[in-house]
All heavy atoms as atom14 arrays in JSON, in Angstrom:
{
  "sequence": "SDEMRSEYARALDWREKTDGAFTPHRPDGVIDLSGTIKAVAIDA",
  "atom14_mask": [
    [1, 1, 1, 1, 1, 1, 0, 0, 0, 0, 0, 0, 0, 0],
    [1, 1, 1, 1, 1, 1, 1, 1, 0, 0, 0, 0, 0, 0],
    [1, 1, 1, 1, 1, 1, 1, 1, 1, 0, 0, 0, 0, 0],
    [1, 1, 1, 1, 1, 1, 1, 1, 0, 0, 0, 0, 0, 0],
    [1, 1, 1, 1, 1, 1, 1, 1, 1, 1, 1, 0, 0, 0],
    [1, 1, 1, 1, 1, 1, 0, 0, 0, 0, 0, 0, 0, 0],
    [1, 1, 1, 1, 1, 1, 1, 1, 1, 0, 0, 0, 0, 0],
    [1, 1, 1, 1, 1, 1, 1, 1, 1, 1, 1, 1, 0, 0],
    [1, 1, 1, 1, 1, 0, 0, 0, 0, 0, 0, 0, 0, 0],
    [1, 1, 1, 1, 1, 1, 1, 1, 1, 1, 1, 0, 0, 0],
    [1, 1, 1, 1, 1, 0, 0, 0, 0, 0, 0, 0, 0, 0],
    [1, 1, 1, 1, 1, 1, 1, 1, 0, 0, 0, 0, 0, 0],
    [1, 1, 1, 1, 1, 1, 1, 1, 0, 0, 0, 0, 0, 0],
    [1, 1, 1, 1, 1, 1, 1, 1, 1, 1, 1, 1, 1, 1],
    [1, 1, 1, 1, 1, 1, 1, 1, 1, 1, 1, 0, 0, 0],
    [1, 1, 1, 1, 1, 1, 1, 1, 1, 0, 0, 0, 0, 0],
    [1, 1, 1, 1, 1, 1, 1, 1, 1, 0, 0, 0, 0, 0],
    [1, 1, 1, 1, 1, 1, 1, 0, 0, 0, 0, 0, 0, 0],
    [1, 1, 1, 1, 1, 1, 1, 1, 0, 0, 0, 0, 0, 0],
    [1, 1, 1, 1, 0, 0, 0, 0, 0, 0, 0, 0, 0, 0],
    [1, 1, 1, 1, 1, 0, 0, 0, 0, 0, 0, 0, 0, 0],
    [1, 1, 1, 1, 1, 1, 1, 1, 1, 1, 1, 0, 0, 0],
    [1, 1, 1, 1, 1, 1, 1, 0, 0, 0, 0, 0, 0, 0],
    [1, 1, 1, 1, 1, 1, 1, 0, 0, 0, 0, 0, 0, 0],
    [1, 1, 1, 1, 1, 1, 1, 1, 1, 1, 0, 0, 0, 0],
    [1, 1, 1, 1, 1, 1, 1, 1, 1, 1, 1, 0, 0, 0],
    [1, 1, 1, 1, 1, 1, 1, 0, 0, 0, 0, 0, 0, 0],
    [1, 1, 1, 1, 1, 1, 1, 1, 0, 0, 0, 0, 0, 0],
    [1, 1, 1, 1, 0, 0, 0, 0, 0, 0, 0, 0, 0, 0],
    [1, 1, 1, 1, 1, 1, 1, 0, 0, 0, 0, 0, 0, 0],
    [1, 1, 1, 1, 1, 1, 1, 1, 0, 0, 0, 0, 0, 0],
    [1, 1, 1, 1, 1, 1, 1, 1, 0, 0, 0, 0, 0, 0],
    [1, 1, 1, 1, 1, 1, 1, 1, 0, 0, 0, 0, 0, 0],
    [1, 1, 1, 1, 1, 1, 0, 0, 0, 0, 0, 0, 0, 0],
    [1, 1, 1, 1, 0, 0, 0, 0, 0, 0, 0, 0, 0, 0],
    [1, 1, 1, 1, 1, 1, 1, 0, 0, 0, 0, 0, 0, 0],
    [1, 1, 1, 1, 1, 1, 1, 1, 0, 0, 0, 0, 0, 0],
    [1, 1, 1, 1, 1, 1, 1, 1, 1, 0, 0, 0, 0, 0],
    [1, 1, 1, 1, 1, 0, 0, 0, 0, 0, 0, 0, 0, 0],
    [1, 1, 1, 1, 1, 1, 1, 0, 0, 0, 0, 0, 0, 0],
    [1, 1, 1, 1, 1, 0, 0, 0, 0, 0, 0, 0, 0, 0],
    [1, 1, 1, 1, 1, 1, 1, 1, 0, 0, 0, 0, 0, 0],
    [1, 1, 1, 1, 1, 1, 1, 1, 0, 0, 0, 0, 0, 0],
    [1, 1, 1, 1, 1, 0, 0, 0, 0, 0, 0, 0, 0, 0]
  ],
  "atom14_positions": [
    [[-51.24, 53.56, -23.77], [-51.34, 54.58, -24.76], [-52.76, 54.9, -25.37], [-53.66, 53.92, -25.1], [-50.52, 54.13, -25.96], [-50.97, 52.93, -26.6], [0.0, 0.0, 0.0], [0.0, 0.0, 0.0], [0.0, 0.0, 0.0], [0.0, 0.0, 0.0], [0.0, 0.0, 0.0], [0.0, 0.0, 0.0], [0.0, 0.0, 0.0], [0.0, 0.0, 0.0]],
    [[-53.01, 55.95, -25.98], [-54.16, 56.24, -26.61], [-54.62, 55.17, -27.58], [-55.76, 54.72, -27.69], [-54.29, 57.61, -27.34], [-54.2, 58.73, -26.24], [-54.39, 58.46, -25.02], [-53.86, 59.87, -26.63], [0.0, 0.0, 0.0], [0.0, 0.0, 0.0], [0.0, 0.0, 0.0], [0.0, 0.0, 0.0], [0.0, 0.0, 0.0], [0.0, 0.0, 0.0]],
    [[-53.6, 54.71, -28.41], [-53.97, 53.73, -29.4], [-54.28, 52.39, -28.68], [-55.22, 51.73, -29.42], [-52.6, 53.43, -30.23], [-52.83, 52.47, -31.37], [-51.56, 52.52, -32.35], [-50.47, 52.9, -31.82], [-51.92, 52.04, -33.62], [0.0, 0.0, 0.0], [0.0, 0.0, 0.0], [0.0, 0.0, 0.0], [0.0, 0.0, 0.0], [0.0, 0.0, 0.0]],
    [[-53.75, 51.89, -27.62], [-54.05, 50.73, -27.03], [-55.51, 50.82, -26.52], [-56.19, 49.85, -26.76], [-53.19, 50.42, -25.9], [-53.4, 49.14, -25.02], [-53.3, 47.76, -26.03], [-51.47, 47.64, -26.19], [0.0, 0.0, 0.0], [0.0, 0.0, 0.0], [0.0, 0.0, 0.0], [0.0, 0.0, 0.0], [0.0, 0.0, 0.0], [0.0, 0.0, 0.0]],
    [[-55.78, 52.07, -25.82], [-57.17, 52.14, -25.35], [-58.22, 52.14, -26.36], [-59.37, 51.67, -26.27], [-57.23, 53.26, -24.46], [-56.38, 52.95, -22.92], [-56.62, 54.19, -22.08], [-55.65, 55.06, -22.45], [-55.89, 56.39, -22.85], [-57.22, 56.76, -23.0], [-55.11, 57.31, -23.04], [0.0, 0.0, 0.0], [0.0, 0.0, 0.0], [0.0, 0.0, 0.0]],
    [[-57.85, 52.8, -27.46], [-58.82, 52.96, -28.64], [-59.07, 51.59, -29.2], [-60.25, 51.26, -29.56], [-58.18, 53.79, -29.66], [-59.01, 53.92, -30.88], [0.0, 0.0, 0.0], [0.0, 0.0, 0.0], [0.0, 0.0, 0.0], [0.0, 0.0, 0.0], [0.0, 0.0, 0.0], [0.0, 0.0, 0.0], [0.0, 0.0, 0.0], [0.0, 0.0, 0.0]],
    [[-58.03, 50.75, -29.42], [-58.2, 49.41, -30.07], [-59.03, 48.56, -29.14], [-59.77, 47.75, -29.52], [-56.88, 48.85, -30.34], [-56.26, 49.5, -31.55], [-57.09, 49.58, -32.83], [-58.0, 48.66, -33.09], [-57.07, 50.5, -33.63], [0.0, 0.0, 0.0], [0.0, 0.0, 0.0], [0.0, 0.0, 0.0], [0.0, 0.0, 0.0], [0.0, 0.0, 0.0]],
    [[-58.72, 48.65, -27.88], [-59.48, 47.84, -26.73], [-60.94, 48.2, -26.89], [-61.74, 47.49, -26.85], [-58.95, 48.09, -25.46], [-59.66, 47.37, -24.34], [-59.65, 45.92, -24.42], [-60.19, 48.0, -23.38], [-60.29, 45.16, -23.26], [-60.92, 47.35, -22.3], [-61.01, 45.81, -22.29], [-61.58, 45.21, -21.31], [0.0, 0.0, 0.0], [0.0, 0.0, 0.0]],
    [[-61.24, 49.56, -26.93], [-62.58, 49.89, -27.11], [-63.35, 49.51, -28.28], [-64.5, 49.16, -28.32], [-62.73, 51.61, -27.13], [0.0, 0.0, 0.0], [0.0, 0.0, 0.0], [0.0, 0.0, 0.0], [0.0, 0.0, 0.0], [0.0, 0.0, 0.0], [0.0, 0.0, 0.0], [0.0, 0.0, 0.0], [0.0, 0.0, 0.0], [0.0, 0.0, 0.0]],
    [[-62.6, 49.47, -29.48], [-63.11, 48.94, -30.58], [-63.52, 47.5, -30.4], [-64.65, 47.02, -30.82], [-62.1, 49.06, -31.73], [-62.54, 48.63, -33.15], [-61.47, 48.03, -34.12], [-60.52, 48.98, -34.45], [-60.49, 49.61, -35.54], [-61.25, 49.41, -36.45], [-59.35, 50.37, -35.84], [0.0, 0.0, 0.0], [0.0, 0.0, 0.0], [0.0, 0.0, 0.0]],
    [[-62.61, 46.7, -29.85], [-62.91, 45.29, -29.62], [-64.12, 44.98, -28.7], [-64.91, 44.1, -28.93], [-61.68, 44.69, -28.98], [0.0, 0.0, 0.0], [0.0, 0.0, 0.0], [0.0, 0.0, 0.0], [0.0, 0.0, 0.0], [0.0, 0.0, 0.0], [0.0, 0.0, 0.0], [0.0, 0.0, 0.0], [0.0, 0.0, 0.0], [0.0, 0.0, 0.0]],
    [[-64.24, 45.91, -27.67], [-65.44, 45.83, -26.81], [-66.76, 46.11, -27.48], [-67.74, 45.57, -27.34], [-65.27, 46.81, -25.58], [-64.22, 46.42, -24.52], [-64.22, 47.43, -23.46], [-64.5, 45.06, -24.02], [0.0, 0.0, 0.0], [0.0, 0.0, 0.0], [0.0, 0.0, 0.0], [0.0, 0.0, 0.0], [0.0, 0.0, 0.0], [0.0, 0.0, 0.0]],
    [[-66.65, 47.1, -28.45], [-67.76, 47.43, -29.21], [-68.18, 46.22, -30.16], [-69.43, 45.94, -30.31], [-67.54, 48.64, -30.14], [-68.61, 49.05, -30.86], [-69.74, 49.35, -30.43], [-68.49, 49.18, -32.21], [0.0, 0.0, 0.0], [0.0, 0.0, 0.0], [0.0, 0.0, 0.0], [0.0, 0.0, 0.0], [0.0, 0.0, 0.0], [0.0, 0.0, 0.0]],
    [[-67.33, 45.54, -30.63], [-67.49, 44.3, -31.38], [-68.05, 43.27, -30.59], [-68.93, 42.37, -31.0], [-66.3, 43.82, -32.22], [-66.2, 44.53, -33.53], [-65.2, 45.46, -33.91], [-67.05, 44.46, -34.64], [-65.39, 45.89, -35.08], [-66.5, 45.33, -35.6], [-68.23, 43.66, -34.95], [-67.09, 45.5, -37.03], [-68.89, 43.9, -36.29], [-68.16, 44.8, -37.14]],
    [[-67.59, 43.05, -29.32], [-68.21, 42.09, -28.36], [-69.71, 42.38, -28.16], [-70.51, 41.51, -28.22], [-67.46, 42.12, -26.97], [-68.0, 41.14, -26.01], [-67.18, 41.22, -24.73], [-67.36, 42.38, -24.05], [-66.84, 42.54, -22.82], [-66.05, 41.76, -22.12], [-67.18, 43.76, -22.22], [0.0, 0.0, 0.0], [0.0, 0.0, 0.0], [0.0, 0.0, 0.0]],
    [[-70.08, 43.64, -27.95], [-71.49, 44.02, -27.93], [-72.24, 43.71, -29.22], [-73.38, 43.2, -29.13], [-71.51, 45.47, -27.47], [-73.1, 45.85, -27.27], [-73.13, 47.28, -26.86], [-72.12, 48.03, -26.59], [-74.21, 47.91, -26.81], [0.0, 0.0, 0.0], [0.0, 0.0, 0.0], [0.0, 0.0, 0.0], [0.0, 0.0, 0.0], [0.0, 0.0, 0.0]],
    [[-71.68, 43.86, -30.36], [-72.37, 43.75, -31.55], [-72.62, 42.33, -31.9], [-73.56, 42.09, -32.56], [-71.67, 44.35, -32.78], [-71.63, 45.95, -32.75], [-70.85, 46.47, -33.93], [-70.92, 47.93, -33.94], [-70.0, 48.56, -35.04], [0.0, 0.0, 0.0], [0.0, 0.0, 0.0], [0.0, 0.0, 0.0], [0.0, 0.0, 0.0], [0.0, 0.0, 0.0]],
    [[-71.8, 41.43, -31.35], [-71.82, 40.07, -31.61], [-72.43, 39.24, -30.43], [-72.39, 38.05, -30.39], [-70.48, 39.51, -31.95], [-69.62, 39.59, -30.88], [-69.95, 40.07, -33.27], [0.0, 0.0, 0.0], [0.0, 0.0, 0.0], [0.0, 0.0, 0.0], [0.0, 0.0, 0.0], [0.0, 0.0, 0.0], [0.0, 0.0, 0.0], [0.0, 0.0, 0.0]],
    [[-72.99, 39.98, -29.49], [-73.73, 39.39, -28.35], [-72.63, 38.42, -27.55], [-73.07, 37.44, -27.04], [-74.84, 38.55, -28.77], [-75.7, 38.22, -27.5], [-75.69, 38.92, -26.48], [-76.47, 37.2, -27.51], [0.0, 0.0, 0.0], [0.0, 0.0, 0.0], [0.0, 0.0, 0.0], [0.0, 0.0, 0.0], [0.0, 0.0, 0.0], [0.0, 0.0, 0.0]],
    [[-71.32, 38.96, -27.53], [-70.43, 38.22, -26.72], [-69.6, 37.16, -27.55], [-68.62, 36.5, -26.99], [0.0, 0.0, 0.0], [0.0, 0.0, 0.0], [0.0, 0.0, 0.0], [0.0, 0.0, 0.0], [0.0, 0.0, 0.0], [0.0, 0.0, 0.0], [0.0, 0.0, 0.0], [0.0, 0.0, 0.0], [0.0, 0.0, 0.0], [0.0, 0.0, 0.0]],
    [[-70.02, 36.83, -28.73], [-69.39, 35.79, -29.48], [-67.81, 36.14, -29.83], [-66.96, 35.28, -29.87], [-70.02, 35.5, -30.75], [0.0, 0.0, 0.0], [0.0, 0.0, 0.0], [0.0, 0.0, 0.0], [0.0, 0.0, 0.0], [0.0, 0.0, 0.0], [0.0, 0.0, 0.0], [0.0, 0.0, 0.0], [0.0, 0.0, 0.0], [0.0, 0.0, 0.0]],
    [[-67.56, 37.44, -30.0], [-66.29, 37.9, -30.17], [-65.86, 38.58, -28.88], [-66.67, 39.41, -28.35], [-66.3, 38.86, -31.38], [-64.99, 39.59, -31.51], [-63.85, 38.84, -32.25], [-64.47, 40.71, -31.03], [-62.62, 39.33, -32.43], [-63.23, 41.17, -31.05], [-62.36, 40.74, -31.8], [0.0, 0.0, 0.0], [0.0, 0.0, 0.0], [0.0, 0.0, 0.0]],
    [[-64.71, 38.32, -28.38], [-64.22, 38.95, -27.11], [-62.72, 39.29, -27.23], [-61.85, 38.6, -27.91], [-64.56, 38.13, -25.95], [-64.02, 38.7, -24.85], [-63.82, 36.73, -26.19], [0.0, 0.0, 0.0], [0.0, 0.0, 0.0], [0.0, 0.0, 0.0], [0.0, 0.0, 0.0], [0.0, 0.0, 0.0], [0.0, 0.0, 0.0], [0.0, 0.0, 0.0]],
    [[-62.2, 40.36, -26.62], [-60.91, 40.76, -26.58], [-60.21, 40.12, -25.37], [-59.13, 40.49, -24.97], [-60.85, 42.24, -26.52], [-62.1, 42.59, -25.67], [-63.16, 41.53, -26.22], [0.0, 0.0, 0.0], [0.0, 0.0, 0.0], [0.0, 0.0, 0.0], [0.0, 0.0, 0.0], [0.0, 0.0, 0.0], [0.0, 0.0, 0.0], [0.0, 0.0, 0.0]],
    [[-60.92, 39.21, -24.68], [-60.28, 38.6, -23.54], [-60.1, 37.08, -23.67], [-61.1, 36.36, -24.1], [-61.19, 38.8, -22.24], [-61.36, 40.2, -21.89], [-62.62, 40.94, -22.12], [-60.62, 41.19, -21.38], [-62.56, 42.24, -21.8], [-61.31, 42.33, -21.42], [0.0, 0.0, 0.0], [0.0, 0.0, 0.0], [0.0, 0.0, 0.0], [0.0, 0.0, 0.0]],
    [[-58.92, 36.61, -23.31], [-58.69, 35.2, -23.21], [-59.39, 34.57, -22.12], [-59.96, 35.3, -21.14], [-57.21, 34.9, -23.15], [-56.41, 35.44, -24.25], [-54.99, 34.82, -24.29], [-54.32, 34.74, -22.95], [-53.08, 34.69, -22.77], [-52.19, 34.73, -23.76], [-52.59, 34.59, -21.6], [0.0, 0.0, 0.0], [0.0, 0.0, 0.0], [0.0, 0.0, 0.0]],
    [[-59.66, 33.25, -22.1], [-60.3, 32.59, -20.98], [-59.58, 32.86, -19.62], [-60.37, 32.83, -18.55], [-60.19, 31.14, -21.26], [-60.14, 31.03, -22.77], [-59.37, 32.28, -23.14], [0.0, 0.0, 0.0], [0.0, 0.0, 0.0], [0.0, 0.0, 0.0], [0.0, 0.0, 0.0], [0.0, 0.0, 0.0], [0.0, 0.0, 0.0], [0.0, 0.0, 0.0]],
    [[-58.3, 33.23, -19.61], [-57.61, 33.46, -18.29], [-57.71, 34.94, -18.07], [-57.1, 35.47, -17.12], [-56.14, 33.09, -18.44], [-55.38, 33.77, -19.51], [-55.98, 34.69, -20.12], [-54.17, 33.43, -19.64], [0.0, 0.0, 0.0], [0.0, 0.0, 0.0], [0.0, 0.0, 0.0], [0.0, 0.0, 0.0], [0.0, 0.0, 0.0], [0.0, 0.0, 0.0]],
    [[-58.53, 35.67, -18.74], [-58.76, 37.1, -18.47], [-57.67, 38.06, -19.18], [-57.94, 39.33, -19.05], [0.0, 0.0, 0.0], [0.0, 0.0, 0.0], [0.0, 0.0, 0.0], [0.0, 0.0, 0.0], [0.0, 0.0, 0.0], [0.0, 0.0, 0.0], [0.0, 0.0, 0.0], [0.0, 0.0, 0.0], [0.0, 0.0, 0.0], [0.0, 0.0, 0.0]],
    [[-56.71, 37.55, -19.69], [-55.72, 38.42, -20.44], [-56.35, 39.21, -21.62], [-56.93, 38.53, -22.38], [-54.38, 37.57, -20.87], [-53.44, 38.4, -21.74], [-53.7, 37.2, -19.54], [0.0, 0.0, 0.0], [0.0, 0.0, 0.0], [0.0, 0.0, 0.0], [0.0, 0.0, 0.0], [0.0, 0.0, 0.0], [0.0, 0.0, 0.0], [0.0, 0.0, 0.0]],
    [[-56.11, 40.52, -21.82], [-56.43, 41.18, -22.98], [-55.68, 40.76, -24.13], [-54.42, 40.8, -24.12], [-56.34, 42.62, -22.81], [-57.28, 43.16, -21.73], [-56.62, 43.32, -24.08], [-57.04, 44.58, -21.32], [0.0, 0.0, 0.0], [0.0, 0.0, 0.0], [0.0, 0.0, 0.0], [0.0, 0.0, 0.0], [0.0, 0.0, 0.0], [0.0, 0.0, 0.0]],
    [[-56.34, 40.32, -25.21], [-55.64, 39.74, -26.5], [-56.4, 40.39, -27.68], [-57.7, 40.08, -27.99], [-55.75, 38.35, -26.52], [-54.98, 37.73, -27.66], [-54.65, 38.49, -28.67], [-54.79, 36.5, -27.69], [0.0, 0.0, 0.0], [0.0, 0.0, 0.0], [0.0, 0.0, 0.0], [0.0, 0.0, 0.0], [0.0, 0.0, 0.0], [0.0, 0.0, 0.0]],
    [[-55.67, 41.3, -28.29], [-56.39, 42.08, -29.35], [-55.94, 41.52, -30.75], [-56.06, 42.16, -31.81], [-55.94, 43.55, -29.39], [-56.42, 44.31, -27.98], [-55.95, 45.68, -28.04], [-57.94, 44.25, -27.92], [0.0, 0.0, 0.0], [0.0, 0.0, 0.0], [0.0, 0.0, 0.0], [0.0, 0.0, 0.0], [0.0, 0.0, 0.0], [0.0, 0.0, 0.0]],
    [[-55.5, 40.39, -30.89], [-55.02, 39.74, -32.03], [-56.2, 39.6, -32.92], [-56.02, 39.38, -34.24], [-54.35, 38.39, -31.8], [-55.14, 37.58, -31.14], [0.0, 0.0, 0.0], [0.0, 0.0, 0.0], [0.0, 0.0, 0.0], [0.0, 0.0, 0.0], [0.0, 0.0, 0.0], [0.0, 0.0, 0.0], [0.0, 0.0, 0.0], [0.0, 0.0, 0.0]],
    [[-57.48, 39.52, -32.35], [-58.61, 39.32, -33.14], [-59.02, 40.5, -34.04], [-59.72, 40.34, -35.0], [0.0, 0.0, 0.0], [0.0, 0.0, 0.0], [0.0, 0.0, 0.0], [0.0, 0.0, 0.0], [0.0, 0.0, 0.0], [0.0, 0.0, 0.0], [0.0, 0.0, 0.0], [0.0, 0.0, 0.0], [0.0, 0.0, 0.0], [0.0, 0.0, 0.0]],
    [[-58.27, 41.69, -33.8], [-58.69, 42.85, -34.57], [-57.34, 43.39, -35.19], [-57.4, 44.15, -36.23], [-59.33, 44.0, -33.83], [-58.56, 44.23, -32.68], [-60.75, 43.47, -33.47], [0.0, 0.0, 0.0], [0.0, 0.0, 0.0], [0.0, 0.0, 0.0], [0.0, 0.0, 0.0], [0.0, 0.0, 0.0], [0.0, 0.0, 0.0], [0.0, 0.0, 0.0]],
    [[-56.23, 43.31, -34.5], [-55.08, 44.03, -34.98], [-54.48, 43.63, -36.41], [-54.1, 44.46, -37.24], [-53.91, 43.97, -34.03], [-54.32, 44.76, -32.67], [-52.62, 44.46, -34.44], [-54.64, 46.22, -32.87], [0.0, 0.0, 0.0], [0.0, 0.0, 0.0], [0.0, 0.0, 0.0], [0.0, 0.0, 0.0], [0.0, 0.0, 0.0], [0.0, 0.0, 0.0]],
    [[-54.56, 42.4, -36.72], [-54.26, 41.94, -38.07], [-55.06, 42.7, -39.14], [-54.6, 43.15, -40.06], [-54.34, 40.46, -38.27], [-53.91, 39.97, -39.58], [-53.7, 38.57, -39.64], [-54.97, 37.83, -39.09], [-56.03, 37.87, -40.11], [0.0, 0.0, 0.0], [0.0, 0.0, 0.0], [0.0, 0.0, 0.0], [0.0, 0.0, 0.0], [0.0, 0.0, 0.0]],
    [[-56.42, 42.78, -38.88], [-57.24, 43.52, -39.75], [-56.86, 45.04, -39.79], [-56.98, 45.67, -40.81], [-58.71, 43.3, -39.4], [0.0, 0.0, 0.0], [0.0, 0.0, 0.0], [0.0, 0.0, 0.0], [0.0, 0.0, 0.0], [0.0, 0.0, 0.0], [0.0, 0.0, 0.0], [0.0, 0.0, 0.0], [0.0, 0.0, 0.0], [0.0, 0.0, 0.0]],
    [[-56.46, 45.52, -38.55], [-56.01, 47.05, -38.58], [-54.85, 47.17, -39.42], [-54.69, 48.16, -40.11], [-55.74, 47.36, -37.09], [-55.1, 48.67, -37.11], [-57.1, 47.36, -36.31], [0.0, 0.0, 0.0], [0.0, 0.0, 0.0], [0.0, 0.0, 0.0], [0.0, 0.0, 0.0], [0.0, 0.0, 0.0], [0.0, 0.0, 0.0], [0.0, 0.0, 0.0]],
    [[-53.92, 46.23, -39.32], [-52.77, 46.3, -40.34], [-53.21, 46.21, -41.81], [-52.53, 47.0, -42.63], [-51.72, 45.13, -39.9], [0.0, 0.0, 0.0], [0.0, 0.0, 0.0], [0.0, 0.0, 0.0], [0.0, 0.0, 0.0], [0.0, 0.0, 0.0], [0.0, 0.0, 0.0], [0.0, 0.0, 0.0], [0.0, 0.0, 0.0], [0.0, 0.0, 0.0]],
    [[-53.9, 45.47, -42.16], [-54.54, 45.42, -43.55], [-55.14, 46.67, -43.92], [-54.81, 47.17, -45.01], [-55.47, 44.24, -43.72], [-54.77, 42.87, -43.49], [-56.1, 44.29, -45.05], [-55.63, 41.65, -43.44], [0.0, 0.0, 0.0], [0.0, 0.0, 0.0], [0.0, 0.0, 0.0], [0.0, 0.0, 0.0], [0.0, 0.0, 0.0], [0.0, 0.0, 0.0]],
    [[-55.89, 47.26, -43.02], [-56.63, 48.41, -43.27], [-55.47, 49.6, -43.33], [-55.66, 50.61, -44.35], [-57.41, 48.87, -42.08], [-58.88, 48.86, -42.53], [-59.26, 48.65, -43.69], [-59.76, 49.0, -41.66], [0.0, 0.0, 0.0], [0.0, 0.0, 0.0], [0.0, 0.0, 0.0], [0.0, 0.0, 0.0], [0.0, 0.0, 0.0], [0.0, 0.0, 0.0]],
    [[-54.4, 49.67, -42.71], [-53.39, 50.69, -42.73], [-52.65, 50.44, -44.09], [-52.25, 51.56, -44.75], [-52.42, 50.4, -41.62], [0.0, 0.0, 0.0], [0.0, 0.0, 0.0], [0.0, 0.0, 0.0], [0.0, 0.0, 0.0], [0.0, 0.0, 0.0], [0.0, 0.0, 0.0], [0.0, 0.0, 0.0], [0.0, 0.0, 0.0], [0.0, 0.0, 0.0]]
  ]
}
């Protein structure tokens, strides 16, 4: 969905801003957006 791809792009942007300290990928490579979605819910 557009929403999934938009949130993934947001997480990638934060990965760049933090020089990789924040990432939307688990060590096994699985995409995990829990690092931003809770905050998105608070914003909503």
